[in-house]
Amino acid sequence: KPSIRVTLSYKLPLSAHLPVLNLFQQSLPQPKHPPVPTTTLREVKAYFQDRWRPPASLDTSLEYRILLNPDGTLAQALPLNGAAARFIDRTPIPLRESPLASPFAADRPILLRLVLMPSGTVQVFSEN
C-alpha cells in the first residue's frame, strides 16, 4: 500500500532577515578605491565620445563598470546589463592594458561607470 508523507515547514520571508543582513554588511570592511581625478573622467569620456557609433539595432543603453589602472590603462570592463554583454564587440572598449587616460596618482585602480546610449551620448562617472 503506497503511503504519502506531507511535510509542512514555515520559512520567514527574506524581509525578516534584512536587518541582520544589513548589520552584517555594514560590519564588513569595504574596499576603498582612490578618488577619481576630474581630468581622468574628462579624458575617458572624450575617448569614448570620439569613438562611439551606436549600431542601428541598439534600442537600450549599454552600461559597463570600468576598472582603470593608475597608469591610465584599462584593467577590466565588465558589462552590467544583457545588452552590454551582447554588444561589447561593437563598442570602442579597448583591449586590457590599452591606454584610456593619462596616468594619475593612486596606488590602486579606480572604478568608473560607462554608459553608452543609442543616441550616441556617452556618460562616464566615478563609482568610488
N, C-alpha and C. Protein backbone atom coordinates (compact mmCIF):
# COMPACT_ATOMS: atom_id res chain seq x y z
N LYS A 1 0.84 -1.17 0.00
CA LYS A 1 0.00 0.00 0.00
C LYS A 1 0.89 1.25 0.00
N PRO A 2 0.82 2.14 -1.02
CA PRO A 2 1.66 3.34 -1.05
C PRO A 2 1.25 4.31 0.06
N SER A 3 2.25 4.98 0.58
CA SER A 3 1.96 5.98 1.61
C SER A 3 2.43 7.35 1.13
N ILE A 4 1.76 8.36 1.59
CA ILE A 4 2.09 9.73 1.22
C ILE A 4 2.54 10.45 2.48
N ARG A 5 3.68 11.07 2.40
CA ARG A 5 4.18 11.82 3.53
C ARG A 5 4.09 13.31 3.17
N VAL A 6 3.51 14.08 4.02
CA VAL A 6 3.39 15.53 3.81
C VAL A 6 4.18 16.21 4.92
N THR A 7 5.09 17.08 4.49
CA THR A 7 5.87 17.83 5.46
C THR A 7 5.56 19.31 5.27
N LEU A 8 5.21 19.95 6.33
CA LEU A 8 4.94 21.37 6.29
C LEU A 8 6.07 22.09 7.00
N SER A 9 6.51 23.16 6.39
CA SER A 9 7.53 23.97 7.06
C SER A 9 7.18 25.44 6.85
N TYR A 10 7.63 26.24 7.76
CA TYR A 10 7.36 27.66 7.67
C TYR A 10 8.70 28.37 7.56
N LYS A 11 8.85 29.14 6.51
CA LYS A 11 10.07 29.91 6.33
C LYS A 11 9.74 31.38 6.45
N LEU A 12 10.62 32.08 7.12
CA LEU A 12 10.46 33.52 7.24
C LEU A 12 10.73 34.17 5.88
N PRO A 13 9.99 35.20 5.55
CA PRO A 13 10.28 35.90 4.31
C PRO A 13 11.66 36.58 4.39
N LEU A 14 12.26 36.82 3.22
CA LEU A 14 13.57 37.44 3.18
C LEU A 14 13.61 38.76 3.93
N SER A 15 12.50 39.50 3.88
CA SER A 15 12.47 40.80 4.55
C SER A 15 12.70 40.67 6.06
N ALA A 16 12.38 39.52 6.63
CA ALA A 16 12.60 39.32 8.06
C ALA A 16 14.10 39.21 8.38
N HIS A 17 14.90 38.84 7.38
CA HIS A 17 16.34 38.69 7.58
C HIS A 17 17.11 39.96 7.23
N LEU A 18 16.49 40.92 6.57
CA LEU A 18 17.21 42.10 6.08
C LEU A 18 17.94 42.88 7.17
N PRO A 19 17.33 43.11 8.34
CA PRO A 19 18.09 43.85 9.35
C PRO A 19 19.39 43.14 9.72
N VAL A 20 19.36 41.81 9.81
CA VAL A 20 20.56 41.05 10.15
C VAL A 20 21.56 41.14 9.01
N LEU A 21 21.09 40.99 7.77
CA LEU A 21 21.97 41.07 6.62
C LEU A 21 22.60 42.45 6.51
N ASN A 22 21.81 43.49 6.70
CA ASN A 22 22.34 44.85 6.62
C ASN A 22 23.38 45.10 7.70
N LEU A 23 23.11 44.61 8.91
CA LEU A 23 24.06 44.78 10.00
C LEU A 23 25.36 44.07 9.68
N PHE A 24 25.26 42.86 9.10
CA PHE A 24 26.45 42.10 8.73
C PHE A 24 27.24 42.82 7.66
N GLN A 25 26.56 43.34 6.63
CA GLN A 25 27.24 44.03 5.54
C GLN A 25 27.93 45.29 6.03
N GLN A 26 27.31 45.99 6.97
CA GLN A 26 27.90 47.23 7.48
C GLN A 26 29.16 46.94 8.28
N SER A 27 29.25 45.76 8.88
CA SER A 27 30.40 45.46 9.70
C SER A 27 31.59 44.97 8.88
N LEU A 28 31.36 44.59 7.62
CA LEU A 28 32.45 44.14 6.77
C LEU A 28 33.26 45.34 6.29
N PRO A 29 34.57 45.22 6.24
CA PRO A 29 35.36 46.33 5.70
C PRO A 29 35.10 46.44 4.20
N GLN A 30 34.81 47.64 3.74
CA GLN A 30 34.54 47.89 2.34
C GLN A 30 35.85 48.28 1.64
N PRO A 31 36.13 47.68 0.47
CA PRO A 31 37.36 48.07 -0.23
C PRO A 31 37.28 49.53 -0.63
N LYS A 32 38.35 50.24 -0.42
CA LYS A 32 38.38 51.66 -0.75
C LYS A 32 39.17 51.85 -2.04
N HIS A 33 38.60 52.61 -2.93
CA HIS A 33 39.30 52.99 -4.15
C HIS A 33 39.60 54.48 -4.05
N PRO A 34 40.72 54.90 -4.62
CA PRO A 34 41.07 56.31 -4.54
C PRO A 34 40.06 57.18 -5.30
N PRO A 35 39.98 58.46 -4.95
CA PRO A 35 39.08 59.34 -5.68
C PRO A 35 39.51 59.46 -7.14
N VAL A 36 38.54 59.70 -8.00
CA VAL A 36 38.82 59.79 -9.44
C VAL A 36 39.12 61.25 -9.79
N PRO A 37 40.29 61.50 -10.36
CA PRO A 37 40.61 62.86 -10.78
C PRO A 37 39.65 63.34 -11.88
N THR A 38 39.26 64.59 -11.82
CA THR A 38 38.35 65.17 -12.82
C THR A 38 38.95 65.05 -14.22
N THR A 39 40.25 65.25 -14.32
CA THR A 39 40.92 65.14 -15.61
C THR A 39 40.75 63.74 -16.20
N THR A 40 40.85 62.73 -15.36
CA THR A 40 40.70 61.35 -15.82
C THR A 40 39.29 61.12 -16.34
N LEU A 41 38.28 61.61 -15.63
CA LEU A 41 36.90 61.47 -16.10
C LEU A 41 36.73 62.12 -17.47
N ARG A 42 37.28 63.32 -17.64
CA ARG A 42 37.17 64.02 -18.92
C ARG A 42 37.86 63.25 -20.04
N GLU A 43 39.04 62.72 -19.76
CA GLU A 43 39.80 62.00 -20.78
C GLU A 43 39.11 60.71 -21.20
N VAL A 44 38.59 59.97 -20.23
CA VAL A 44 37.89 58.72 -20.56
C VAL A 44 36.62 59.03 -21.35
N LYS A 45 35.89 60.05 -20.94
CA LYS A 45 34.67 60.43 -21.68
C LYS A 45 35.03 60.84 -23.11
N ALA A 46 36.07 61.64 -23.28
CA ALA A 46 36.48 62.07 -24.62
C ALA A 46 36.89 60.88 -25.48
N TYR A 47 37.59 59.91 -24.88
CA TYR A 47 38.00 58.70 -25.60
C TYR A 47 36.78 58.02 -26.22
N PHE A 48 35.75 57.81 -25.40
CA PHE A 48 34.57 57.10 -25.88
C PHE A 48 33.69 57.97 -26.78
N GLN A 49 33.59 59.26 -26.50
CA GLN A 49 32.79 60.15 -27.35
C GLN A 49 33.34 60.18 -28.77
N ASP A 50 34.66 60.19 -28.89
CA ASP A 50 35.29 60.22 -30.21
C ASP A 50 35.06 58.94 -31.01
N ARG A 51 34.79 57.84 -30.31
CA ARG A 51 34.75 56.53 -30.98
C ARG A 51 33.38 55.85 -30.99
N TRP A 52 32.44 56.27 -30.15
CA TRP A 52 31.15 55.58 -30.01
C TRP A 52 30.24 55.88 -31.20
N ARG A 53 29.93 54.83 -31.94
CA ARG A 53 28.98 54.87 -33.05
C ARG A 53 27.95 53.78 -32.79
N PRO A 54 26.78 54.16 -32.24
CA PRO A 54 25.80 53.13 -31.86
C PRO A 54 25.29 52.36 -33.08
N PRO A 55 25.19 51.04 -32.94
CA PRO A 55 24.59 50.24 -34.02
C PRO A 55 23.13 50.62 -34.21
N ALA A 56 22.64 50.54 -35.43
CA ALA A 56 21.25 50.90 -35.74
C ALA A 56 20.26 50.04 -34.96
N SER A 57 20.64 48.81 -34.65
CA SER A 57 19.72 47.89 -33.95
C SER A 57 19.68 48.12 -32.44
N LEU A 58 20.52 49.00 -31.91
CA LEU A 58 20.57 49.23 -30.47
C LEU A 58 19.40 50.09 -30.02
N ASP A 59 18.65 49.60 -29.02
CA ASP A 59 17.49 50.35 -28.53
C ASP A 59 17.53 50.58 -27.02
N THR A 60 18.66 50.28 -26.39
CA THR A 60 18.81 50.48 -24.95
C THR A 60 20.25 50.89 -24.64
N SER A 61 20.44 51.51 -23.50
CA SER A 61 21.79 51.92 -23.10
C SER A 61 22.63 50.71 -22.71
N LEU A 62 23.93 50.84 -22.96
CA LEU A 62 24.89 49.81 -22.57
C LEU A 62 25.66 50.34 -21.37
N GLU A 63 25.71 49.57 -20.30
CA GLU A 63 26.40 50.01 -19.08
C GLU A 63 27.52 49.06 -18.73
N TYR A 64 28.67 49.66 -18.42
CA TYR A 64 29.87 48.89 -18.09
C TYR A 64 30.52 49.46 -16.83
N ARG A 65 31.11 48.59 -16.05
CA ARG A 65 31.97 49.00 -14.94
C ARG A 65 33.39 48.91 -15.47
N ILE A 66 34.09 50.03 -15.41
CA ILE A 66 35.46 50.12 -15.92
C ILE A 66 36.42 50.21 -14.75
N LEU A 67 37.42 49.36 -14.75
CA LEU A 67 38.48 49.42 -13.75
C LEU A 67 39.70 49.97 -14.48
N LEU A 68 40.18 51.12 -14.02
CA LEU A 68 41.27 51.83 -14.69
C LEU A 68 42.52 51.81 -13.81
N ASN A 69 43.62 51.33 -14.38
CA ASN A 69 44.89 51.27 -13.67
C ASN A 69 45.46 52.68 -13.46
N PRO A 70 46.30 52.87 -12.42
CA PRO A 70 46.90 54.19 -12.19
C PRO A 70 47.73 54.71 -13.36
N ASP A 71 48.20 53.81 -14.23
CA ASP A 71 48.95 54.28 -15.40
C ASP A 71 48.03 54.70 -16.54
N GLY A 72 46.69 54.69 -16.29
CA GLY A 72 45.71 55.13 -17.29
C GLY A 72 45.25 54.05 -18.24
N THR A 73 45.71 52.83 -18.04
CA THR A 73 45.31 51.73 -18.93
C THR A 73 44.10 50.98 -18.39
N LEU A 74 43.38 50.32 -19.27
CA LEU A 74 42.20 49.54 -18.90
C LEU A 74 42.62 48.27 -18.17
N ALA A 75 42.09 48.08 -16.97
CA ALA A 75 42.32 46.83 -16.23
C ALA A 75 41.22 45.84 -16.54
N GLN A 76 39.96 46.34 -16.61
CA GLN A 76 38.83 45.44 -16.84
C GLN A 76 37.61 46.25 -17.25
N ALA A 77 36.79 45.66 -18.11
CA ALA A 77 35.49 46.22 -18.49
C ALA A 77 34.45 45.14 -18.26
N LEU A 78 33.51 45.40 -17.38
CA LEU A 78 32.51 44.41 -17.01
C LEU A 78 31.13 44.88 -17.46
N PRO A 79 30.46 44.14 -18.36
CA PRO A 79 29.09 44.51 -18.77
C PRO A 79 28.15 44.43 -17.58
N LEU A 80 27.26 45.42 -17.44
CA LEU A 80 26.33 45.45 -16.32
C LEU A 80 24.89 45.16 -16.72
N ASN A 81 24.63 45.02 -18.01
CA ASN A 81 23.29 44.61 -18.44
C ASN A 81 23.43 43.67 -19.63
N GLY A 82 22.36 42.99 -19.96
CA GLY A 82 22.40 41.99 -21.03
C GLY A 82 22.80 42.57 -22.37
N ALA A 83 22.27 43.74 -22.68
CA ALA A 83 22.61 44.38 -23.95
C ALA A 83 24.10 44.71 -24.00
N ALA A 84 24.66 45.15 -22.87
CA ALA A 84 26.08 45.47 -22.83
C ALA A 84 26.93 44.24 -23.14
N ALA A 85 26.52 43.09 -22.65
CA ALA A 85 27.25 41.85 -22.93
C ALA A 85 27.11 41.47 -24.41
N ARG A 86 25.90 41.62 -24.97
CA ARG A 86 25.68 41.25 -26.37
C ARG A 86 26.39 42.17 -27.35
N PHE A 87 26.50 43.46 -27.02
CA PHE A 87 27.06 44.44 -27.95
C PHE A 87 28.51 44.80 -27.66
N ILE A 88 29.16 44.15 -26.71
CA ILE A 88 30.51 44.57 -26.30
C ILE A 88 31.49 44.58 -27.46
N ASP A 89 31.32 43.67 -28.42
CA ASP A 89 32.25 43.63 -29.55
C ASP A 89 31.99 44.76 -30.55
N ARG A 90 30.92 45.53 -30.35
CA ARG A 90 30.62 46.66 -31.23
C ARG A 90 30.79 48.00 -30.52
N THR A 91 31.50 47.96 -29.40
CA THR A 91 31.78 49.18 -28.65
C THR A 91 33.26 49.54 -28.83
N PRO A 92 33.61 50.77 -28.49
CA PRO A 92 35.02 51.16 -28.58
C PRO A 92 35.84 50.79 -27.34
N ILE A 93 35.36 49.83 -26.54
CA ILE A 93 36.12 49.41 -25.36
C ILE A 93 37.38 48.70 -25.86
N PRO A 94 38.55 49.22 -25.45
CA PRO A 94 39.80 48.63 -25.95
C PRO A 94 40.16 47.34 -25.21
N LEU A 95 41.22 46.71 -25.67
CA LEU A 95 41.75 45.53 -25.01
C LEU A 95 42.36 45.92 -23.67
N ARG A 96 42.47 44.96 -22.76
CA ARG A 96 43.11 45.22 -21.47
C ARG A 96 44.51 45.76 -21.69
N GLU A 97 44.90 46.63 -20.78
CA GLU A 97 46.22 47.28 -20.77
C GLU A 97 46.37 48.33 -21.87
N SER A 98 45.29 48.62 -22.59
CA SER A 98 45.32 49.70 -23.58
C SER A 98 45.11 51.03 -22.86
N PRO A 99 45.77 52.11 -23.32
CA PRO A 99 45.62 53.41 -22.65
C PRO A 99 44.24 54.03 -22.89
N LEU A 100 43.65 54.56 -21.83
CA LEU A 100 42.38 55.29 -21.89
C LEU A 100 42.53 56.72 -21.40
N ALA A 101 43.52 56.95 -20.55
CA ALA A 101 43.70 58.27 -19.94
C ALA A 101 45.16 58.44 -19.54
N SER A 102 45.50 59.66 -19.15
CA SER A 102 46.84 59.93 -18.63
C SER A 102 47.01 59.22 -17.29
N PRO A 103 48.23 58.89 -16.92
CA PRO A 103 48.46 58.33 -15.59
C PRO A 103 47.97 59.29 -14.50
N PHE A 104 47.56 58.73 -13.37
CA PHE A 104 47.08 59.54 -12.25
C PHE A 104 47.71 59.01 -10.96
N ALA A 105 47.74 59.86 -9.96
CA ALA A 105 48.38 59.49 -8.69
C ALA A 105 47.43 58.64 -7.86
N ALA A 106 47.71 57.36 -7.79
CA ALA A 106 46.93 56.44 -6.96
C ALA A 106 47.75 55.16 -6.81
N ASP A 107 47.47 54.44 -5.74
CA ASP A 107 48.18 53.18 -5.53
C ASP A 107 47.35 51.97 -5.95
N ARG A 108 46.12 52.24 -6.39
CA ARG A 108 45.22 51.16 -6.82
C ARG A 108 44.39 51.65 -8.00
N PRO A 109 43.76 50.71 -8.71
CA PRO A 109 42.86 51.11 -9.80
C PRO A 109 41.65 51.88 -9.27
N ILE A 110 41.02 52.62 -10.17
CA ILE A 110 39.79 53.35 -9.84
C ILE A 110 38.63 52.72 -10.59
N LEU A 111 37.42 52.90 -10.04
CA LEU A 111 36.20 52.36 -10.65
C LEU A 111 35.42 53.46 -11.34
N LEU A 112 35.03 53.19 -12.57
CA LEU A 112 34.22 54.12 -13.34
C LEU A 112 32.99 53.40 -13.87
N ARG A 113 31.95 54.16 -14.12
CA ARG A 113 30.77 53.62 -14.81
C ARG A 113 30.73 54.28 -16.18
N LEU A 114 30.60 53.46 -17.21
CA LEU A 114 30.50 53.93 -18.58
C LEU A 114 29.10 53.60 -19.09
N VAL A 115 28.41 54.60 -19.61
CA VAL A 115 27.08 54.41 -20.19
C VAL A 115 27.14 54.89 -21.64
N LEU A 116 26.88 53.96 -22.57
CA LEU A 116 26.83 54.27 -24.00
C LEU A 116 25.37 54.21 -24.43
N MET A 117 24.85 55.32 -24.92
CA MET A 117 23.43 55.40 -25.24
C MET A 117 23.19 55.26 -26.74
N PRO A 118 21.99 54.77 -27.09
CA PRO A 118 21.66 54.61 -28.52
C PRO A 118 21.68 55.93 -29.29
N SER A 119 21.51 57.04 -28.58
CA SER A 119 21.53 58.36 -29.22
C SER A 119 22.94 58.80 -29.58
N GLY A 120 23.95 58.10 -29.08
CA GLY A 120 25.34 58.49 -29.30
C GLY A 120 25.94 59.20 -28.11
N THR A 121 25.13 59.48 -27.10
CA THR A 121 25.60 60.15 -25.89
C THR A 121 26.43 59.19 -25.06
N VAL A 122 27.47 59.72 -24.43
CA VAL A 122 28.36 58.95 -23.56
C VAL A 122 28.36 59.59 -22.17
N GLN A 123 28.23 58.77 -21.15
CA GLN A 123 28.35 59.24 -19.76
C GLN A 123 29.45 58.43 -19.08
N VAL A 124 30.27 59.12 -18.31
CA VAL A 124 31.31 58.48 -17.51
C VAL A 124 31.29 59.13 -16.14
N PHE A 125 31.20 58.32 -15.11
CA PHE A 125 31.24 58.87 -13.76
C PHE A 125 31.90 57.90 -12.81
N SER A 126 32.31 58.43 -11.68
CA SER A 126 33.01 57.65 -10.68
C SER A 126 32.06 56.71 -9.95
N GLU A 127 32.57 55.53 -9.66
CA GLU A 127 31.83 54.58 -8.81
C GLU A 127 32.53 54.42 -7.46
N ASN A 128 33.55 55.21 -7.21
CA ASN A 128 34.28 55.10 -5.94
C ASN A 128 33.45 55.63 -4.80
